[in-house]
N, C-alpha and C. Protein backbone atom coordinates (compact mmCIF):
# COMPACT_ATOMS: atom_id res chain seq x y z
N MET A 1 61.30 -85.80 -38.24
CA MET A 1 59.98 -86.21 -37.77
C MET A 1 58.88 -85.62 -38.67
N ASN A 2 57.92 -86.43 -38.95
CA ASN A 2 56.80 -85.96 -39.78
C ASN A 2 55.87 -85.05 -38.98
N GLU A 3 55.25 -84.15 -39.70
CA GLU A 3 54.25 -83.29 -39.08
C GLU A 3 52.99 -83.30 -39.93
N ILE A 4 51.85 -83.41 -39.27
CA ILE A 4 50.58 -83.41 -39.97
C ILE A 4 49.71 -82.29 -39.39
N TYR A 5 49.11 -81.52 -40.26
CA TYR A 5 48.30 -80.38 -39.84
C TYR A 5 46.84 -80.65 -40.18
N LEU A 6 46.03 -80.82 -39.16
CA LEU A 6 44.61 -81.11 -39.36
C LEU A 6 43.80 -79.87 -39.02
N ILE A 7 42.98 -79.43 -39.94
CA ILE A 7 42.18 -78.22 -39.72
C ILE A 7 40.70 -78.59 -39.84
N GLY A 8 39.99 -78.43 -38.75
CA GLY A 8 38.56 -78.72 -38.75
C GLY A 8 37.80 -77.45 -39.05
N LEU A 9 36.76 -77.54 -39.87
CA LEU A 9 35.99 -76.33 -40.15
C LEU A 9 34.73 -76.29 -39.28
N GLY A 10 34.35 -75.06 -38.93
CA GLY A 10 33.17 -74.87 -38.10
C GLY A 10 33.02 -73.40 -37.74
N ASN A 11 32.10 -73.11 -36.86
CA ASN A 11 31.91 -71.75 -36.36
C ASN A 11 32.25 -71.72 -34.88
N PRO A 12 33.02 -70.69 -34.45
CA PRO A 12 33.37 -70.62 -33.03
C PRO A 12 32.16 -70.22 -32.18
N GLY A 13 32.20 -70.57 -30.91
CA GLY A 13 31.16 -70.12 -29.98
C GLY A 13 30.19 -71.22 -29.61
N LYS A 14 29.71 -71.13 -28.37
CA LYS A 14 28.76 -72.11 -27.80
C LYS A 14 27.55 -72.35 -28.70
N LYS A 15 27.03 -71.25 -29.25
CA LYS A 15 25.80 -71.29 -30.03
C LYS A 15 25.86 -72.33 -31.16
N TYR A 16 27.07 -72.51 -31.71
CA TYR A 16 27.22 -73.38 -32.88
C TYR A 16 27.82 -74.74 -32.55
N SER A 17 28.17 -74.94 -31.28
CA SER A 17 29.06 -76.08 -30.96
C SER A 17 28.47 -77.45 -31.30
N LYS A 18 27.14 -77.57 -31.35
CA LYS A 18 26.56 -78.89 -31.63
C LYS A 18 25.83 -78.93 -32.98
N THR A 19 26.20 -78.01 -33.87
CA THR A 19 25.51 -77.95 -35.16
C THR A 19 26.19 -78.85 -36.20
N ARG A 20 25.45 -79.18 -37.25
CA ARG A 20 25.99 -80.05 -38.31
C ARG A 20 27.19 -79.41 -39.00
N HIS A 21 27.19 -78.09 -39.08
CA HIS A 21 28.27 -77.37 -39.76
C HIS A 21 29.58 -77.47 -38.97
N ASN A 22 29.50 -77.92 -37.71
CA ASN A 22 30.69 -77.94 -36.85
C ASN A 22 31.31 -79.32 -36.71
N ILE A 23 31.00 -80.20 -37.65
CA ILE A 23 31.52 -81.57 -37.57
C ILE A 23 33.05 -81.59 -37.57
N GLY A 24 33.67 -80.68 -38.33
CA GLY A 24 35.14 -80.62 -38.34
C GLY A 24 35.69 -80.35 -36.95
N PHE A 25 35.05 -79.41 -36.23
CA PHE A 25 35.46 -79.10 -34.85
C PHE A 25 35.23 -80.32 -33.95
N LEU A 26 34.04 -80.89 -34.04
CA LEU A 26 33.66 -81.99 -33.14
C LEU A 26 34.62 -83.17 -33.27
N LEU A 27 35.00 -83.48 -34.51
CA LEU A 27 35.88 -84.62 -34.74
C LEU A 27 37.27 -84.36 -34.14
N LEU A 28 37.80 -83.17 -34.39
CA LEU A 28 39.16 -82.88 -33.88
C LEU A 28 39.16 -82.73 -32.36
N GLU A 29 38.05 -82.27 -31.79
CA GLU A 29 37.97 -82.20 -30.32
C GLU A 29 38.04 -83.61 -29.73
N LYS A 30 37.37 -84.56 -30.39
CA LYS A 30 37.41 -85.96 -29.93
C LYS A 30 38.82 -86.52 -30.02
N LEU A 31 39.48 -86.25 -31.15
CA LEU A 31 40.84 -86.76 -31.35
C LEU A 31 41.79 -86.18 -30.30
N SER A 32 41.67 -84.89 -30.06
CA SER A 32 42.55 -84.21 -29.10
C SER A 32 42.34 -84.76 -27.69
N LYS A 33 41.08 -84.98 -27.35
CA LYS A 33 40.74 -85.49 -26.02
C LYS A 33 41.33 -86.88 -25.82
N LYS A 34 41.30 -87.67 -26.88
CA LYS A 34 41.84 -89.05 -26.82
C LYS A 34 43.31 -89.03 -26.39
N TYR A 35 44.02 -87.97 -26.79
CA TYR A 35 45.45 -87.86 -26.47
C TYR A 35 45.69 -86.85 -25.33
N ASN A 36 44.64 -86.60 -24.57
CA ASN A 36 44.73 -85.71 -23.39
C ASN A 36 45.37 -84.37 -23.70
N SER A 37 45.04 -83.84 -24.86
CA SER A 37 45.61 -82.54 -25.25
C SER A 37 44.47 -81.52 -25.30
N ASN A 38 44.77 -80.31 -24.85
CA ASN A 38 43.75 -79.25 -24.86
C ASN A 38 44.01 -78.25 -25.98
N PHE A 39 42.94 -77.62 -26.44
CA PHE A 39 43.08 -76.56 -27.43
C PHE A 39 43.39 -75.23 -26.73
N LEU A 40 44.37 -74.52 -27.27
CA LEU A 40 44.72 -73.19 -26.74
C LEU A 40 44.57 -72.17 -27.86
N ILE A 41 44.05 -71.01 -27.50
CA ILE A 41 43.84 -69.97 -28.51
C ILE A 41 45.18 -69.38 -28.93
N LYS A 42 45.42 -69.34 -30.25
CA LYS A 42 46.64 -68.71 -30.79
C LYS A 42 46.18 -67.62 -31.75
N ASP A 43 46.23 -66.39 -31.28
CA ASP A 43 45.69 -65.28 -32.09
C ASP A 43 46.39 -65.16 -33.44
N LYS A 44 47.71 -65.36 -33.44
CA LYS A 44 48.44 -65.17 -34.70
C LYS A 44 48.03 -66.20 -35.76
N LEU A 45 47.46 -67.33 -35.30
CA LEU A 45 47.02 -68.37 -36.23
C LEU A 45 45.51 -68.32 -36.46
N LYS A 46 44.86 -67.32 -35.82
CA LYS A 46 43.39 -67.16 -35.94
C LYS A 46 42.67 -68.47 -35.65
N SER A 47 43.21 -69.22 -34.68
CA SER A 47 42.69 -70.57 -34.40
C SER A 47 42.96 -70.95 -32.95
N SER A 48 42.26 -71.98 -32.50
CA SER A 48 42.66 -72.70 -31.29
C SER A 48 43.47 -73.90 -31.76
N CYS A 49 44.54 -74.22 -31.02
CA CYS A 49 45.46 -75.27 -31.48
C CYS A 49 45.68 -76.31 -30.40
N SER A 50 45.92 -77.54 -30.85
CA SER A 50 46.25 -78.63 -29.96
C SER A 50 47.37 -79.42 -30.65
N GLU A 51 48.31 -79.92 -29.85
CA GLU A 51 49.46 -80.61 -30.45
C GLU A 51 49.85 -81.83 -29.62
N PHE A 52 50.11 -82.94 -30.29
CA PHE A 52 50.53 -84.16 -29.59
C PHE A 52 51.21 -85.07 -30.60
N GLN A 53 51.72 -86.19 -30.10
CA GLN A 53 52.41 -87.11 -31.01
C GLN A 53 51.72 -88.46 -31.09
N ILE A 54 51.71 -89.02 -32.31
CA ILE A 54 51.23 -90.38 -32.52
C ILE A 54 52.29 -91.06 -33.38
N ASN A 55 52.82 -92.17 -32.91
CA ASN A 55 53.83 -92.92 -33.69
C ASN A 55 54.93 -92.01 -34.25
N ASN A 56 55.58 -91.27 -33.38
CA ASN A 56 56.70 -90.39 -33.80
C ASN A 56 56.31 -89.35 -34.83
N CYS A 57 55.06 -89.02 -34.89
CA CYS A 57 54.62 -88.00 -35.82
C CYS A 57 53.91 -86.91 -35.01
N THR A 58 54.24 -85.65 -35.29
CA THR A 58 53.58 -84.55 -34.58
C THR A 58 52.27 -84.20 -35.29
N PHE A 59 51.21 -84.27 -34.54
CA PHE A 59 49.91 -83.86 -35.06
C PHE A 59 49.59 -82.47 -34.51
N ARG A 60 49.30 -81.55 -35.41
CA ARG A 60 48.86 -80.22 -34.98
C ARG A 60 47.42 -80.03 -35.45
N LEU A 61 46.53 -79.77 -34.51
CA LEU A 61 45.11 -79.64 -34.81
C LEU A 61 44.69 -78.19 -34.66
N PHE A 62 43.84 -77.73 -35.55
CA PHE A 62 43.41 -76.33 -35.53
C PHE A 62 41.90 -76.21 -35.68
N LEU A 63 41.32 -75.34 -34.86
CA LEU A 63 39.91 -74.97 -35.00
C LEU A 63 39.89 -73.47 -35.27
N PRO A 64 39.67 -73.05 -36.51
CA PRO A 64 39.69 -71.62 -36.83
C PRO A 64 38.66 -70.84 -36.01
N ASN A 65 39.02 -69.63 -35.58
CA ASN A 65 38.02 -68.80 -34.90
C ASN A 65 37.55 -67.66 -35.80
N THR A 66 37.58 -67.92 -37.11
CA THR A 66 37.26 -66.89 -38.10
C THR A 66 35.82 -66.98 -38.62
N PHE A 67 35.04 -67.93 -38.11
CA PHE A 67 33.73 -68.27 -38.68
C PHE A 67 33.92 -68.94 -40.05
N MET A 68 32.98 -69.82 -40.33
CA MET A 68 33.08 -70.71 -41.50
C MET A 68 33.43 -69.98 -42.80
N ASN A 69 32.71 -68.88 -43.09
CA ASN A 69 32.86 -68.24 -44.40
C ASN A 69 34.21 -67.58 -44.61
N ASN A 70 34.98 -67.44 -43.51
CA ASN A 70 36.34 -66.87 -43.62
C ASN A 70 37.41 -67.87 -43.18
N SER A 71 37.09 -69.15 -43.29
CA SER A 71 38.04 -70.19 -42.85
C SER A 71 39.41 -70.02 -43.51
N GLY A 72 39.41 -69.52 -44.75
CA GLY A 72 40.67 -69.36 -45.49
C GLY A 72 41.66 -68.44 -44.80
N ASP A 73 41.15 -67.45 -44.05
CA ASP A 73 42.06 -66.52 -43.33
C ASP A 73 42.91 -67.30 -42.33
N ALA A 74 42.26 -68.22 -41.61
CA ALA A 74 42.99 -69.01 -40.61
C ALA A 74 43.95 -69.98 -41.29
N VAL A 75 43.49 -70.64 -42.35
CA VAL A 75 44.34 -71.61 -43.05
C VAL A 75 45.58 -70.91 -43.62
N ARG A 76 45.36 -69.75 -44.20
CA ARG A 76 46.47 -68.95 -44.74
C ARG A 76 47.49 -68.61 -43.62
N ALA A 77 46.97 -68.20 -42.48
CA ALA A 77 47.85 -67.84 -41.35
C ALA A 77 48.65 -69.06 -40.88
N ILE A 78 48.02 -70.22 -40.84
CA ILE A 78 48.69 -71.46 -40.40
C ILE A 78 49.79 -71.85 -41.40
N VAL A 79 49.43 -71.83 -42.68
CA VAL A 79 50.39 -72.21 -43.73
C VAL A 79 51.59 -71.26 -43.72
N ASP A 80 51.33 -69.96 -43.58
CA ASP A 80 52.41 -68.96 -43.59
C ASP A 80 53.29 -69.08 -42.35
N TRP A 81 52.67 -69.26 -41.20
CA TRP A 81 53.43 -69.31 -39.94
C TRP A 81 54.36 -70.52 -39.89
N TYR A 82 53.85 -71.69 -40.27
CA TYR A 82 54.66 -72.91 -40.19
C TYR A 82 55.45 -73.16 -41.47
N LYS A 83 55.21 -72.32 -42.48
CA LYS A 83 55.88 -72.48 -43.78
C LYS A 83 55.77 -73.93 -44.27
N ILE A 84 54.54 -74.40 -44.34
CA ILE A 84 54.34 -75.81 -44.70
C ILE A 84 53.92 -75.97 -46.14
N ASN A 85 54.21 -77.16 -46.67
CA ASN A 85 53.69 -77.53 -47.98
C ASN A 85 52.21 -77.85 -47.83
N LEU A 86 51.47 -77.56 -48.88
CA LEU A 86 50.03 -77.81 -48.79
C LEU A 86 49.70 -79.29 -48.64
N ASP A 87 50.63 -80.17 -49.04
CA ASP A 87 50.30 -81.59 -48.89
C ASP A 87 50.40 -82.06 -47.44
N GLN A 88 50.81 -81.16 -46.54
CA GLN A 88 50.84 -81.53 -45.11
C GLN A 88 49.53 -81.18 -44.41
N ILE A 89 48.66 -80.43 -45.10
CA ILE A 89 47.41 -80.06 -44.42
C ILE A 89 46.25 -80.94 -44.88
N LEU A 90 45.32 -81.12 -43.97
CA LEU A 90 44.12 -81.91 -44.25
C LEU A 90 42.95 -81.18 -43.60
N ILE A 91 41.95 -80.88 -44.41
CA ILE A 91 40.78 -80.13 -43.93
C ILE A 91 39.67 -81.14 -43.63
N ILE A 92 38.98 -80.95 -42.52
CA ILE A 92 37.85 -81.82 -42.18
C ILE A 92 36.59 -80.98 -42.16
N VAL A 93 35.58 -81.43 -42.92
CA VAL A 93 34.46 -80.54 -43.20
C VAL A 93 33.16 -81.34 -43.36
N ASP A 94 32.05 -80.69 -43.06
CA ASP A 94 30.74 -81.32 -43.26
C ASP A 94 30.35 -81.21 -44.74
N ASP A 95 29.44 -82.08 -45.18
CA ASP A 95 28.99 -82.02 -46.58
C ASP A 95 27.53 -82.42 -46.68
N LYS A 96 26.69 -81.47 -47.06
CA LYS A 96 25.24 -81.74 -47.15
C LYS A 96 24.90 -82.52 -48.42
N ASP A 97 25.84 -82.63 -49.35
CA ASP A 97 25.56 -83.37 -50.59
C ASP A 97 25.91 -84.85 -50.45
N LEU A 98 26.44 -85.22 -49.28
CA LEU A 98 26.72 -86.64 -49.02
C LEU A 98 25.69 -87.14 -48.02
N PRO A 99 25.20 -88.37 -48.19
CA PRO A 99 24.26 -88.91 -47.21
C PRO A 99 24.91 -88.97 -45.81
N LEU A 100 24.09 -88.85 -44.80
CA LEU A 100 24.57 -88.93 -43.41
C LEU A 100 25.36 -90.23 -43.22
N GLY A 101 26.58 -90.10 -42.68
CA GLY A 101 27.38 -91.29 -42.41
C GLY A 101 28.36 -91.67 -43.51
N LYS A 102 28.26 -90.99 -44.66
CA LYS A 102 29.22 -91.25 -45.74
C LYS A 102 30.48 -90.41 -45.51
N ILE A 103 31.61 -90.95 -45.93
CA ILE A 103 32.89 -90.22 -45.81
C ILE A 103 33.52 -90.14 -47.20
N ARG A 104 34.07 -88.98 -47.54
CA ARG A 104 34.79 -88.83 -48.81
C ARG A 104 36.14 -88.17 -48.55
N PHE A 105 37.21 -88.91 -48.80
CA PHE A 105 38.56 -88.35 -48.70
C PHE A 105 38.99 -88.01 -50.12
N ARG A 106 39.28 -86.74 -50.36
CA ARG A 106 39.74 -86.30 -51.68
C ARG A 106 41.07 -85.57 -51.55
N GLN A 107 41.94 -85.74 -52.55
CA GLN A 107 43.24 -85.06 -52.50
C GLN A 107 43.18 -83.64 -53.05
N LYS A 108 42.11 -83.34 -53.79
CA LYS A 108 41.92 -81.98 -54.30
C LYS A 108 40.49 -81.88 -54.83
N GLY A 109 40.11 -80.69 -55.25
CA GLY A 109 38.78 -80.55 -55.83
C GLY A 109 38.16 -79.20 -55.53
N SER A 110 37.01 -78.97 -56.13
CA SER A 110 36.33 -77.68 -55.97
C SER A 110 35.68 -77.59 -54.59
N SER A 111 35.05 -76.45 -54.32
CA SER A 111 34.43 -76.24 -53.01
C SER A 111 33.11 -77.00 -52.90
N GLY A 112 32.54 -77.39 -54.04
CA GLY A 112 31.24 -78.06 -54.02
C GLY A 112 30.18 -77.20 -53.35
N GLY A 113 30.35 -75.87 -53.46
CA GLY A 113 29.37 -74.96 -52.87
C GLY A 113 29.52 -74.77 -51.37
N HIS A 114 30.58 -75.34 -50.76
CA HIS A 114 30.80 -75.18 -49.32
C HIS A 114 31.58 -73.90 -49.07
N ASN A 115 31.01 -72.98 -48.29
CA ASN A 115 31.64 -71.66 -48.11
C ASN A 115 33.00 -71.72 -47.42
N GLY A 116 33.17 -72.68 -46.53
CA GLY A 116 34.46 -72.82 -45.85
C GLY A 116 35.55 -73.21 -46.85
N LEU A 117 35.25 -74.22 -47.68
CA LEU A 117 36.23 -74.65 -48.69
C LEU A 117 36.46 -73.55 -49.71
N LYS A 118 35.39 -72.84 -50.06
CA LYS A 118 35.49 -71.75 -51.04
C LYS A 118 36.49 -70.69 -50.54
N SER A 119 36.37 -70.35 -49.26
CA SER A 119 37.25 -69.35 -48.66
C SER A 119 38.71 -69.82 -48.66
N ILE A 120 38.92 -71.12 -48.39
CA ILE A 120 40.29 -71.66 -48.37
C ILE A 120 40.89 -71.64 -49.78
N ILE A 121 40.08 -72.05 -50.76
CA ILE A 121 40.55 -72.05 -52.16
C ILE A 121 40.94 -70.63 -52.58
N GLU A 122 40.13 -69.64 -52.20
CA GLU A 122 40.44 -68.24 -52.55
C GLU A 122 41.73 -67.78 -51.90
N GLN A 123 41.90 -68.11 -50.62
CA GLN A 123 43.09 -67.63 -49.89
C GLN A 123 44.37 -68.34 -50.33
N LEU A 124 44.27 -69.63 -50.63
CA LEU A 124 45.47 -70.39 -51.02
C LEU A 124 45.71 -70.32 -52.52
N ASN A 125 44.68 -69.87 -53.24
CA ASN A 125 44.80 -69.75 -54.68
C ASN A 125 44.99 -71.10 -55.37
N THR A 126 44.45 -72.14 -54.78
CA THR A 126 44.56 -73.46 -55.38
C THR A 126 43.47 -74.36 -54.80
N GLN A 127 43.11 -75.41 -55.56
CA GLN A 127 42.17 -76.42 -55.05
C GLN A 127 42.93 -77.67 -54.59
N ASN A 128 44.26 -77.60 -54.68
CA ASN A 128 45.07 -78.78 -54.41
C ASN A 128 45.43 -78.92 -52.94
N PHE A 129 44.44 -79.26 -52.15
CA PHE A 129 44.71 -79.60 -50.75
C PHE A 129 43.73 -80.72 -50.37
N LYS A 130 44.17 -81.54 -49.42
CA LYS A 130 43.37 -82.72 -49.05
C LYS A 130 42.23 -82.32 -48.14
N ARG A 131 41.12 -83.02 -48.33
CA ARG A 131 39.99 -82.78 -47.42
C ARG A 131 39.24 -84.08 -47.18
N ILE A 132 38.73 -84.21 -45.96
CA ILE A 132 37.82 -85.31 -45.63
C ILE A 132 36.45 -84.69 -45.43
N ARG A 133 35.50 -85.12 -46.28
CA ARG A 133 34.14 -84.58 -46.19
C ARG A 133 33.25 -85.60 -45.50
N ILE A 134 32.51 -85.13 -44.53
CA ILE A 134 31.64 -86.02 -43.75
C ILE A 134 30.18 -85.67 -44.05
N GLY A 135 29.44 -86.67 -44.52
CA GLY A 135 28.06 -86.42 -44.94
C GLY A 135 27.14 -86.07 -43.78
N ILE A 136 26.31 -85.03 -44.00
CA ILE A 136 25.27 -84.70 -43.01
C ILE A 136 23.88 -84.87 -43.63
N GLY A 137 23.86 -85.31 -44.90
CA GLY A 137 22.58 -85.47 -45.58
C GLY A 137 22.01 -84.13 -46.01
N SER A 138 21.08 -84.16 -46.97
CA SER A 138 20.53 -82.90 -47.44
C SER A 138 19.36 -82.48 -46.55
N PRO A 139 19.04 -81.18 -46.55
CA PRO A 139 17.94 -80.71 -45.71
C PRO A 139 16.62 -81.32 -46.17
N PRO A 140 15.67 -81.43 -45.26
CA PRO A 140 14.37 -81.96 -45.67
C PRO A 140 13.73 -81.03 -46.70
N LEU A 141 12.97 -81.60 -47.60
CA LEU A 141 12.30 -80.78 -48.62
C LEU A 141 11.18 -79.98 -47.98
N LEU A 142 11.23 -78.70 -48.22
CA LEU A 142 10.17 -77.82 -47.71
C LEU A 142 9.51 -77.15 -48.89
N LYS A 143 8.20 -77.01 -48.83
CA LYS A 143 7.46 -76.31 -49.90
C LYS A 143 8.06 -76.54 -51.27
N GLU A 144 7.65 -77.61 -51.88
CA GLU A 144 8.18 -78.04 -53.18
C GLU A 144 9.69 -78.21 -53.12
N LYS A 145 10.43 -77.36 -53.87
CA LYS A 145 11.88 -77.60 -53.97
C LYS A 145 12.71 -76.62 -53.14
N ASN A 146 12.07 -75.91 -52.24
CA ASN A 146 12.80 -74.89 -51.50
C ASN A 146 13.60 -75.51 -50.34
N PHE A 147 14.87 -75.76 -50.58
CA PHE A 147 15.70 -76.36 -49.54
C PHE A 147 16.06 -75.29 -48.51
N ASN A 148 15.86 -75.64 -47.27
CA ASN A 148 16.26 -74.69 -46.24
C ASN A 148 17.67 -75.03 -45.75
N THR A 149 18.63 -74.70 -46.59
CA THR A 149 20.01 -75.14 -46.34
C THR A 149 20.59 -74.56 -45.07
N ILE A 150 20.39 -73.26 -44.86
CA ILE A 150 21.04 -72.61 -43.71
C ILE A 150 20.56 -73.19 -42.39
N SER A 151 19.23 -73.34 -42.26
CA SER A 151 18.77 -73.88 -40.97
C SER A 151 19.15 -75.35 -40.82
N HIS A 152 19.40 -76.03 -41.94
CA HIS A 152 19.86 -77.43 -41.85
C HIS A 152 21.30 -77.49 -41.34
N VAL A 153 22.20 -76.76 -41.99
CA VAL A 153 23.62 -76.87 -41.59
C VAL A 153 23.86 -76.26 -40.21
N LEU A 154 23.05 -75.24 -39.86
CA LEU A 154 23.23 -74.61 -38.55
C LEU A 154 22.30 -75.20 -37.49
N GLY A 155 21.57 -76.27 -37.87
CA GLY A 155 20.71 -76.95 -36.90
C GLY A 155 21.54 -77.89 -36.04
N ASN A 156 21.04 -78.16 -34.84
CA ASN A 156 21.76 -79.07 -33.94
C ASN A 156 21.62 -80.52 -34.41
N ILE A 157 22.68 -81.28 -34.16
CA ILE A 157 22.70 -82.69 -34.52
C ILE A 157 21.73 -83.44 -33.61
N SER A 158 20.84 -84.23 -34.20
CA SER A 158 19.86 -84.97 -33.39
C SER A 158 20.53 -86.19 -32.75
N SER A 159 19.85 -86.81 -31.79
CA SER A 159 20.48 -87.96 -31.11
C SER A 159 20.65 -89.14 -32.08
N GLU A 160 19.71 -89.29 -33.03
CA GLU A 160 19.86 -90.38 -34.03
C GLU A 160 21.08 -90.11 -34.91
N GLU A 161 21.22 -88.84 -35.32
CA GLU A 161 22.38 -88.49 -36.16
C GLU A 161 23.67 -88.68 -35.38
N LYS A 162 23.64 -88.32 -34.11
CA LYS A 162 24.85 -88.41 -33.28
C LYS A 162 25.34 -89.86 -33.20
N THR A 163 24.41 -90.80 -33.08
CA THR A 163 24.78 -92.22 -33.00
C THR A 163 25.56 -92.63 -34.25
N ILE A 164 25.06 -92.18 -35.42
CA ILE A 164 25.75 -92.51 -36.68
C ILE A 164 27.09 -91.77 -36.76
N LEU A 165 27.07 -90.48 -36.41
CA LEU A 165 28.29 -89.68 -36.53
C LEU A 165 29.38 -90.16 -35.58
N ASP A 166 29.00 -90.68 -34.41
CA ASP A 166 30.01 -91.19 -33.49
C ASP A 166 30.79 -92.34 -34.13
N LYS A 167 30.09 -93.18 -34.91
CA LYS A 167 30.77 -94.27 -35.64
C LYS A 167 31.72 -93.68 -36.68
N VAL A 168 31.24 -92.64 -37.36
CA VAL A 168 32.04 -91.98 -38.41
C VAL A 168 33.30 -91.37 -37.79
N TYR A 169 33.12 -90.64 -36.67
CA TYR A 169 34.28 -90.01 -36.01
C TYR A 169 35.31 -91.07 -35.65
N MET A 170 34.83 -92.19 -35.09
CA MET A 170 35.75 -93.24 -34.67
C MET A 170 36.56 -93.76 -35.86
N ARG A 171 35.85 -93.97 -36.97
CA ARG A 171 36.49 -94.51 -38.17
C ARG A 171 37.51 -93.51 -38.72
N VAL A 172 37.12 -92.23 -38.79
CA VAL A 172 38.03 -91.21 -39.34
C VAL A 172 39.25 -91.06 -38.42
N ILE A 173 39.01 -91.07 -37.11
CA ILE A 173 40.13 -90.92 -36.16
C ILE A 173 41.12 -92.08 -36.32
N GLU A 174 40.60 -93.31 -36.47
CA GLU A 174 41.49 -94.46 -36.70
C GLU A 174 42.35 -94.23 -37.95
N ALA A 175 41.72 -93.68 -38.99
CA ALA A 175 42.45 -93.44 -40.24
C ALA A 175 43.49 -92.34 -40.05
N LEU A 176 43.11 -91.26 -39.36
CA LEU A 176 44.05 -90.15 -39.14
C LEU A 176 45.28 -90.62 -38.36
N GLU A 177 45.05 -91.49 -37.39
CA GLU A 177 46.16 -91.98 -36.57
C GLU A 177 47.17 -92.77 -37.40
N GLN A 178 46.73 -93.25 -38.58
CA GLN A 178 47.63 -94.07 -39.39
C GLN A 178 48.18 -93.33 -40.60
N LEU A 179 47.92 -92.02 -40.64
CA LEU A 179 48.37 -91.24 -41.80
C LEU A 179 49.88 -91.35 -42.01
N ASN A 180 50.59 -91.54 -40.91
CA ASN A 180 52.04 -91.57 -40.97
C ASN A 180 52.57 -92.96 -41.30
N ILE A 181 51.68 -93.98 -41.20
CA ILE A 181 52.15 -95.36 -41.33
C ILE A 181 51.69 -96.00 -42.64
N LYS A 182 50.41 -95.78 -42.96
CA LYS A 182 49.85 -96.44 -44.15
C LYS A 182 49.95 -95.54 -45.37
N LYS A 183 49.91 -96.15 -46.53
CA LYS A 183 49.85 -95.38 -47.77
C LYS A 183 48.53 -94.62 -47.82
N GLU A 184 48.63 -93.39 -48.32
CA GLU A 184 47.44 -92.55 -48.36
C GLU A 184 46.32 -93.17 -49.21
N GLU A 185 46.68 -93.81 -50.32
CA GLU A 185 45.67 -94.43 -51.19
C GLU A 185 44.86 -95.46 -50.41
N TYR A 186 45.55 -96.17 -49.56
CA TYR A 186 44.90 -97.22 -48.77
C TYR A 186 43.88 -96.59 -47.80
N ILE A 187 44.30 -95.52 -47.15
CA ILE A 187 43.42 -94.81 -46.21
C ILE A 187 42.21 -94.22 -46.95
N ILE A 188 42.46 -93.64 -48.13
CA ILE A 188 41.38 -93.07 -48.93
C ILE A 188 40.34 -94.15 -49.25
N ASN A 189 40.83 -95.33 -49.71
CA ASN A 189 39.92 -96.42 -50.05
C ASN A 189 39.12 -96.89 -48.84
N GLU A 190 39.82 -97.00 -47.71
CA GLU A 190 39.16 -97.45 -46.47
C GLU A 190 38.04 -96.50 -46.09
N LEU A 191 38.33 -95.21 -46.10
CA LEU A 191 37.33 -94.23 -45.68
C LEU A 191 36.18 -94.12 -46.67
N ASN A 192 36.53 -94.09 -47.94
CA ASN A 192 35.49 -93.89 -48.96
C ASN A 192 34.55 -95.10 -49.07
N SER A 193 35.00 -96.25 -48.58
CA SER A 193 34.12 -97.42 -48.66
C SER A 193 33.43 -97.70 -47.32
N PHE A 194 33.59 -96.79 -46.36
CA PHE A 194 32.99 -96.97 -45.04
C PHE A 194 31.47 -97.08 -45.15
N ASP A 195 30.91 -98.06 -44.44
CA ASP A 195 29.47 -98.25 -44.43
C ASP A 195 28.97 -98.18 -42.99
N LYS A 196 28.17 -97.16 -42.72
CA LYS A 196 27.71 -96.93 -41.34
C LYS A 196 26.87 -98.07 -40.80
N ASP A 197 26.32 -98.91 -41.70
CA ASP A 197 25.42 -99.98 -41.25
C ASP A 197 26.14 -101.29 -40.95
N GLN A 198 27.42 -101.32 -41.24
CA GLN A 198 28.14 -102.54 -40.91
C GLN A 198 28.48 -102.54 -39.43
N PRO A 199 28.40 -103.71 -38.79
CA PRO A 199 28.68 -103.76 -37.34
C PRO A 199 30.11 -103.36 -37.04
């Protein structure tokens, strides 16, 4: 039986639960709920975990409780505990360099300045792991070129943004459910060409 390990990035705790930086958490919480599965805290994995099956494939979902900048600690613990190949893991993460509603599925690559990805690359000692990046748009320009990045990523998602992101979550979840059935290249093309304005 195939196993797929999905790791959403975010910050633990109520305070952060509706922030743009927590899109990885929000998406996996939606997926887990769809399959009536709850997240349980697993200290040895430094994460909350949820597990269920789709089309004879075991999906294991993880929400690290290490805070974003130390996401690699949790990923390392998961990889070591399950003794998995890196091609079985998929990281879901927000991206301020992508317009709101854009999706980018990449099989490898640099952190692009994202502290969560940076931490994972350091801990795994490689950039060769799959990630789905979900655009949150760049922060509004303040005082000439001074981007207020931190308050943007840690700001709460507005209701307009939520409407767009709900479409994105639905699309990504549909793709994740087919990871075991469709060719990965096909899924990558589908996600990367997603247009939030299409009905």
